[in-house]
Amino acid sequence: AFLPDTGESVNELASRFEGSVIGDVLR
């Protein structure tokens, strides 16, 4: 799961480290 801190979004966190494929699979 995501554990965001104040002001952070899910998308911003997902792009902070390499390895997520989420940007390539969304429709």
PDB file of all heavy atoms in Angstrom:
ATOM      1  N   ALA A   1       0.808  -1.216   0.000  1.00  0.00           N
ATOM      2  CA  ALA A   1       0.000   0.000   0.000  1.00  0.00           C
ATOM      3  C   ALA A   1       0.843   1.269   0.000  1.00  0.00           C
ATOM      4  O   ALA A   1       2.032   1.254   0.346  1.00  0.00           O
ATOM      5  CB  ALA A   1      -0.917   0.007   1.220  1.00  0.00           C
ATOM      6  N   PHE A   2       0.199   2.354  -0.376  1.00  0.00           N
ATOM      7  CA  PHE A   2       0.801   3.680  -0.290  1.00  0.00           C
ATOM      8  C   PHE A   2       0.652   4.233   1.125  1.00  0.00           C
ATOM      9  O   PHE A   2      -0.411   4.114   1.746  1.00  0.00           O
ATOM     10  CB  PHE A   2       0.124   4.637  -1.274  1.00  0.00           C
ATOM     11  CG  PHE A   2       0.479   4.381  -2.711  1.00  0.00           C
ATOM     12  CD1 PHE A   2      -0.384   3.669  -3.529  1.00  0.00           C
ATOM     13  CD2 PHE A   2       1.671   4.852  -3.246  1.00  0.00           C
ATOM     14  CE1 PHE A   2      -0.059   3.430  -4.862  1.00  0.00           C
ATOM     15  CE2 PHE A   2       2.006   4.612  -4.575  1.00  0.00           C
ATOM     16  CZ  PHE A   2       1.140   3.904  -5.384  1.00  0.00           C
ATOM     17  N   LEU A   3       1.724   4.861   1.623  1.00  0.00           N
ATOM     18  CA  LEU A   3       1.704   5.577   2.897  1.00  0.00           C
ATOM     19  C   LEU A   3       2.157   7.009   2.629  1.00  0.00           C
ATOM     20  O   LEU A   3       3.294   7.395   2.914  1.00  0.00           O
ATOM     21  CB  LEU A   3       2.642   4.939   3.928  1.00  0.00           C
ATOM     22  CG  LEU A   3       2.307   3.578   4.524  1.00  0.00           C
ATOM     23  CD1 LEU A   3       2.642   2.456   3.542  1.00  0.00           C
ATOM     24  CD2 LEU A   3       3.077   3.355   5.819  1.00  0.00           C
ATOM     25  N   PRO A   4       1.305   7.836   2.038  1.00  0.00           N
ATOM     26  CA  PRO A   4       1.748   9.179   1.671  1.00  0.00           C
ATOM     27  C   PRO A   4       1.941  10.071   2.889  1.00  0.00           C
ATOM     28  O   PRO A   4       1.268   9.930   3.909  1.00  0.00           O
ATOM     29  CB  PRO A   4       0.593   9.689   0.801  1.00  0.00           C
ATOM     30  CG  PRO A   4      -0.607   8.952   1.318  1.00  0.00           C
ATOM     31  CD  PRO A   4      -0.103   7.590   1.704  1.00  0.00           C
ATOM     32  N   ASP A   5       2.853  11.003   2.763  1.00  0.00           N
ATOM     33  CA  ASP A   5       3.007  12.060   3.757  1.00  0.00           C
ATOM     34  C   ASP A   5       2.208  13.269   3.278  1.00  0.00           C
ATOM     35  O   ASP A   5       1.663  13.267   2.161  1.00  0.00           O
ATOM     36  CB  ASP A   5       4.483  12.415   3.929  1.00  0.00           C
ATOM     37  CG  ASP A   5       4.783  13.072   5.267  1.00  0.00           C
ATOM     38  OD1 ASP A   5       3.826  13.501   5.954  1.00  0.00           O
ATOM     39  OD2 ASP A   5       5.974  13.168   5.636  1.00  0.00           O
ATOM     40  N   THR A   6       2.143  14.290   4.083  1.00  0.00           N
ATOM     41  CA  THR A   6       1.381  15.491   3.748  1.00  0.00           C
ATOM     42  C   THR A   6       1.813  16.058   2.400  1.00  0.00           C
ATOM     43  O   THR A   6       3.007  16.256   2.147  1.00  0.00           O
ATOM     44  CB  THR A   6       1.574  16.562   4.835  1.00  0.00           C
ATOM     45  OG1 THR A   6       1.273  15.990   6.115  1.00  0.00           O
ATOM     46  CG2 THR A   6       0.661  17.757   4.587  1.00  0.00           C
ATOM     47  N   GLY A   7       0.849  16.285   1.508  1.00  0.00           N
ATOM     48  CA  GLY A   7       1.126  16.897   0.220  1.00  0.00           C
ATOM     49  C   GLY A   7       1.526  15.943  -0.881  1.00  0.00           C
ATOM     50  O   GLY A   7       1.664  16.360  -2.038  1.00  0.00           O
ATOM     51  N   GLU A   8       1.704  14.657  -0.563  1.00  0.00           N
ATOM     52  CA  GLU A   8       2.106  13.684  -1.579  1.00  0.00           C
ATOM     53  C   GLU A   8       0.885  13.007  -2.199  1.00  0.00           C
ATOM     54  O   GLU A   8      -0.071  12.682  -1.503  1.00  0.00           O
ATOM     55  CB  GLU A   8       3.012  12.617  -0.961  1.00  0.00           C
ATOM     56  CG  GLU A   8       4.343  13.153  -0.464  1.00  0.00           C
ATOM     57  CD  GLU A   8       5.179  12.100   0.223  1.00  0.00           C
ATOM     58  OE1 GLU A   8       4.625  11.055   0.635  1.00  0.00           O
ATOM     59  OE2 GLU A   8       6.396  12.320   0.361  1.00  0.00           O
ATOM     60  N   SER A   9       0.952  12.757  -3.498  1.00  0.00           N
ATOM     61  CA  SER A   9      -0.114  12.022  -4.179  1.00  0.00           C
ATOM     62  C   SER A   9       0.376  10.624  -4.519  1.00  0.00           C
ATOM     63  O   SER A   9       1.583  10.338  -4.530  1.00  0.00           O
ATOM     64  CB  SER A   9      -0.524  12.744  -5.470  1.00  0.00           C
ATOM     65  OG  SER A   9       0.494  12.621  -6.461  1.00  0.00           O
ATOM     66  N   VAL A  10      -0.578   9.749  -4.833  1.00  0.00           N
ATOM     67  CA  VAL A  10      -0.250   8.385  -5.233  1.00  0.00           C
ATOM     68  C   VAL A  10       0.605   8.391  -6.504  1.00  0.00           C
ATOM     69  O   VAL A  10       1.617   7.680  -6.596  1.00  0.00           O
ATOM     70  CB  VAL A  10      -1.547   7.578  -5.430  1.00  0.00           C
ATOM     71  CG1 VAL A  10      -1.281   6.295  -6.193  1.00  0.00           C
ATOM     72  CG2 VAL A  10      -2.196   7.274  -4.080  1.00  0.00           C
ATOM     73  N   ASN A  11       0.217   9.190  -7.494  1.00  0.00           N
ATOM     74  CA  ASN A  11       0.972   9.222  -8.745  1.00  0.00           C
ATOM     75  C   ASN A  11       2.389   9.732  -8.538  1.00  0.00           C
ATOM     76  O   ASN A  11       3.351   9.218  -9.117  1.00  0.00           O
ATOM     77  CB  ASN A  11       0.256  10.088  -9.778  1.00  0.00           C
ATOM     78  CG  ASN A  11      -0.621   9.268 -10.703  1.00  0.00           C
ATOM     79  OD1 ASN A  11      -0.602   8.045 -10.672  1.00  0.00           O
ATOM     80  ND2 ASN A  11      -1.397   9.946 -11.525  1.00  0.00           N
ATOM     81  N   GLU A  12       2.523  10.763  -7.712  1.00  0.00           N
ATOM     82  CA  GLU A  12       3.857  11.318  -7.465  1.00  0.00           C
ATOM     83  C   GLU A  12       4.749  10.292  -6.788  1.00  0.00           C
ATOM     84  O   GLU A  12       5.917  10.117  -7.144  1.00  0.00           O
ATOM     85  CB  GLU A  12       3.734  12.585  -6.614  1.00  0.00           C
ATOM     86  CG  GLU A  12       5.051  13.337  -6.406  1.00  0.00           C
ATOM     87  CD  GLU A  12       5.825  12.862  -5.185  1.00  0.00           C
ATOM     88  OE1 GLU A  12       5.184  12.564  -4.167  1.00  0.00           O
ATOM     89  OE2 GLU A  12       7.062  12.775  -5.264  1.00  0.00           O
ATOM     90  N   LEU A  13       4.208   9.574  -5.814  1.00  0.00           N
ATOM     91  CA  LEU A  13       4.989   8.550  -5.130  1.00  0.00           C
ATOM     92  C   LEU A  13       5.365   7.407  -6.073  1.00  0.00           C
ATOM     93  O   LEU A  13       6.490   6.894  -6.031  1.00  0.00           O
ATOM     94  CB  LEU A  13       4.211   8.004  -3.939  1.00  0.00           C
ATOM     95  CG  LEU A  13       4.174   8.884  -2.693  1.00  0.00           C
ATOM     96  CD1 LEU A  13       3.131   8.361  -1.701  1.00  0.00           C
ATOM     97  CD2 LEU A  13       5.553   8.947  -2.033  1.00  0.00           C
ATOM     98  N   ALA A  14       4.422   7.002  -6.927  1.00  0.00           N
ATOM     99  CA  ALA A  14       4.663   5.864  -7.825  1.00  0.00           C
ATOM    100  C   ALA A  14       5.825   6.121  -8.780  1.00  0.00           C
ATOM    101  O   ALA A  14       6.484   5.179  -9.239  1.00  0.00           O
ATOM    102  CB  ALA A  14       3.405   5.539  -8.607  1.00  0.00           C
ATOM    103  N   SER A  15       6.093   7.393  -9.067  1.00  0.00           N
ATOM    104  CA  SER A  15       7.174   7.726  -9.998  1.00  0.00           C
ATOM    105  C   SER A  15       8.477   8.063  -9.285  1.00  0.00           C
ATOM    106  O   SER A  15       9.488   8.347  -9.938  1.00  0.00           O
ATOM    107  CB  SER A  15       6.754   8.917 -10.875  1.00  0.00           C
ATOM    108  OG  SER A  15       6.533  10.076 -10.077  1.00  0.00           O
ATOM    109  N   ARG A  16       8.491   7.999  -7.954  1.00  0.00           N
ATOM    110  CA  ARG A  16       9.680   8.396  -7.211  1.00  0.00           C
ATOM    111  C   ARG A  16      10.790   7.358  -7.309  1.00  0.00           C
ATOM    112  O   ARG A  16      11.970   7.682  -7.248  1.00  0.00           O
ATOM    113  CB  ARG A  16       9.315   8.667  -5.751  1.00  0.00           C
ATOM    114  CG  ARG A  16      10.449   9.275  -4.945  1.00  0.00           C
ATOM    115  CD  ARG A  16       9.999   9.690  -3.563  1.00  0.00           C
ATOM    116  NE  ARG A  16       9.021  10.769  -3.586  1.00  0.00           N
ATOM    117  CZ  ARG A  16       8.567  11.379  -2.496  1.00  0.00           C
ATOM    118  NH1 ARG A  16       8.992  10.989  -1.299  1.00  0.00           N
ATOM    119  NH2 ARG A  16       7.685  12.342  -2.592  1.00  0.00           N
ATOM    120  N   PHE A  17      10.405   6.068  -7.423  1.00  0.00           N
ATOM    121  CA  PHE A  17      11.385   4.992  -7.565  1.00  0.00           C
ATOM    122  C   PHE A  17      11.114   4.264  -8.879  1.00  0.00           C
ATOM    123  O   PHE A  17       9.980   4.222  -9.357  1.00  0.00           O
ATOM    124  CB  PHE A  17      11.277   3.998  -6.405  1.00  0.00           C
ATOM    125  CG  PHE A  17      11.757   4.540  -5.078  1.00  0.00           C
ATOM    126  CD1 PHE A  17      10.943   5.371  -4.322  1.00  0.00           C
ATOM    127  CD2 PHE A  17      13.010   4.207  -4.592  1.00  0.00           C
ATOM    128  CE1 PHE A  17      11.374   5.876  -3.099  1.00  0.00           C
ATOM    129  CE2 PHE A  17      13.450   4.693  -3.374  1.00  0.00           C
ATOM    130  CZ  PHE A  17      12.636   5.532  -2.623  1.00  0.00           C
ATOM    131  N   GLU A  18      12.161   3.673  -9.444  1.00  0.00           N
ATOM    132  CA  GLU A  18      11.990   2.904 -10.669  1.00  0.00           C
ATOM    133  C   GLU A  18      11.291   1.587 -10.381  1.00  0.00           C
ATOM    134  O   GLU A  18      11.352   1.063  -9.273  1.00  0.00           O
ATOM    135  CB  GLU A  18      13.347   2.637 -11.317  1.00  0.00           C
ATOM    136  CG  GLU A  18      14.045   3.883 -11.819  1.00  0.00           C
ATOM    137  CD  GLU A  18      15.347   3.566 -12.532  1.00  0.00           C
ATOM    138  OE1 GLU A  18      15.718   2.369 -12.561  1.00  0.00           O
ATOM    139  OE2 GLU A  18      15.978   4.496 -13.050  1.00  0.00           O
ATOM    140  N   GLY A  19      10.615   1.062 -11.395  1.00  0.00           N
ATOM    141  CA  GLY A  19      10.059  -0.280 -11.276  1.00  0.00           C
ATOM    142  C   GLY A  19       8.554  -0.385 -11.421  1.00  0.00           C
ATOM    143  O   GLY A  19       8.032  -1.471 -11.668  1.00  0.00           O
ATOM    144  N   SER A  20       7.809   0.722 -11.289  1.00  0.00           N
ATOM    145  CA  SER A  20       6.361   0.643 -11.438  1.00  0.00           C
ATOM    146  C   SER A  20       5.977   0.649 -12.911  1.00  0.00           C
ATOM    147  O   SER A  20       6.494   1.450 -13.695  1.00  0.00           O
ATOM    148  CB  SER A  20       5.681   1.813 -10.731  1.00  0.00           C
ATOM    149  OG  SER A  20       4.272   1.765 -10.946  1.00  0.00           O
ATOM    150  N   VAL A  21       5.048  -0.227 -13.277  1.00  0.00           N
ATOM    151  CA  VAL A  21       4.574  -0.281 -14.665  1.00  0.00           C
ATOM    152  C   VAL A  21       3.244   0.440 -14.822  1.00  0.00           C
ATOM    153  O   VAL A  21       2.649   0.417 -15.899  1.00  0.00           O
ATOM    154  CB  VAL A  21       4.424  -1.746 -15.140  1.00  0.00           C
ATOM    155  CG1 VAL A  21       5.760  -2.473 -15.056  1.00  0.00           C
ATOM    156  CG2 VAL A  21       3.346  -2.480 -14.339  1.00  0.00           C
ATOM    157  N   ILE A  22       2.769   1.074 -13.760  1.00  0.00           N
ATOM    158  CA  ILE A  22       1.413   1.615 -13.767  1.00  0.00           C
ATOM    159  C   ILE A  22       1.186   2.591 -14.920  1.00  0.00           C
ATOM    160  O   ILE A  22       0.127   2.595 -15.550  1.00  0.00           O
ATOM    161  CB  ILE A  22       1.074   2.277 -12.402  1.00  0.00           C
ATOM    162  CG1 ILE A  22      -0.405   2.607 -12.304  1.00  0.00           C
ATOM    163  CG2 ILE A  22       1.930   3.499 -12.142  1.00  0.00           C
ATOM    164  CD1 ILE A  22      -1.308   1.409 -12.270  1.00  0.00           C
ATOM    165  N   GLY A  23       2.198   3.401 -15.245  1.00  0.00           N
ATOM    166  CA  GLY A  23       2.021   4.364 -16.327  1.00  0.00           C
ATOM    167  C   GLY A  23       1.895   3.733 -17.695  1.00  0.00           C
ATOM    168  O   GLY A  23       1.407   4.372 -18.634  1.00  0.00           O
ATOM    169  N   ASP A  24       2.308   2.477 -17.820  1.00  0.00           N
ATOM    170  CA  ASP A  24       2.283   1.797 -19.110  1.00  0.00           C
ATOM    171  C   ASP A  24       1.044   0.938 -19.327  1.00  0.00           C
ATOM    172  O   ASP A  24       0.833   0.440 -20.440  1.00  0.00           O
ATOM    173  CB  ASP A  24       3.518   0.897 -19.251  1.00  0.00           C
ATOM    174  CG  ASP A  24       4.821   1.680 -19.151  1.00  0.00           C
ATOM    175  OD1 ASP A  24       4.867   2.818 -19.657  1.00  0.00           O
ATOM    176  OD2 ASP A  24       5.781   1.143 -18.561  1.00  0.00           O
ATOM    177  N   VAL A  25       0.249   0.737 -18.284  1.00  0.00           N
ATOM    178  CA  VAL A  25      -0.850  -0.226 -18.405  1.00  0.00           C
ATOM    179  C   VAL A  25      -2.232   0.402 -18.230  1.00  0.00           C
ATOM    180  O   VAL A  25      -3.245  -0.278 -18.407  1.00  0.00           O
ATOM    181  CB  VAL A  25      -0.686  -1.373 -17.386  1.00  0.00           C
ATOM    182  CG1 VAL A  25       0.634  -2.093 -17.615  1.00  0.00           C
ATOM    183  CG2 VAL A  25      -0.791  -0.879 -15.949  1.00  0.00           C
ATOM    184  N   LEU A  26      -2.294   1.681 -17.907  1.00  0.00           N
ATOM    185  CA  LEU A  26      -3.590   2.304 -17.645  1.00  0.00           C
ATOM    186  C   LEU A  26      -4.323   2.667 -18.925  1.00  0.00           C
ATOM    187  O   LEU A  26      -3.721   3.087 -19.922  1.00  0.00           O
ATOM    188  CB  LEU A  26      -3.410   3.560 -16.788  1.00  0.00           C
ATOM    189  CG  LEU A  26      -2.967   3.352 -15.349  1.00  0.00           C
ATOM    190  CD1 LEU A  26      -2.897   4.684 -14.616  1.00  0.00           C
ATOM    191  CD2 LEU A  26      -3.916   2.399 -14.616  1.00  0.00           C
ATOM    192  N   ARG A  27      -5.638   2.514 -18.869  1.00  0.00           N
ATOM    193  CA  ARG A  27      -6.511   2.888 -19.984  1.00  0.00           C
ATOM    194  C   ARG A  27      -7.493   3.947 -19.491  1.00  0.00           C
ATOM    195  O   ARG A  27      -8.335   3.673 -18.631  1.00  0.00           O
ATOM    196  CB  ARG A  27      -7.282   1.665 -20.495  1.00  0.00           C
ATOM    197  CG  ARG A  27      -8.184   1.942 -21.689  1.00  0.00           C
ATOM    198  CD  ARG A  27      -8.788   0.656 -22.214  1.00  0.00           C
ATOM    199  NE  ARG A  27      -9.681   0.031 -21.251  1.00  0.00           N
ATOM    200  CZ  ARG A  27     -10.982   0.337 -21.120  1.00  0.00           C
ATOM    201  NH1 ARG A  27     -11.528   1.271 -21.888  1.00  0.00           N
ATOM    202  NH2 ARG A  27     -11.725  -0.295 -20.242  1.00  0.00           N
TER     203      ARG A  27
END
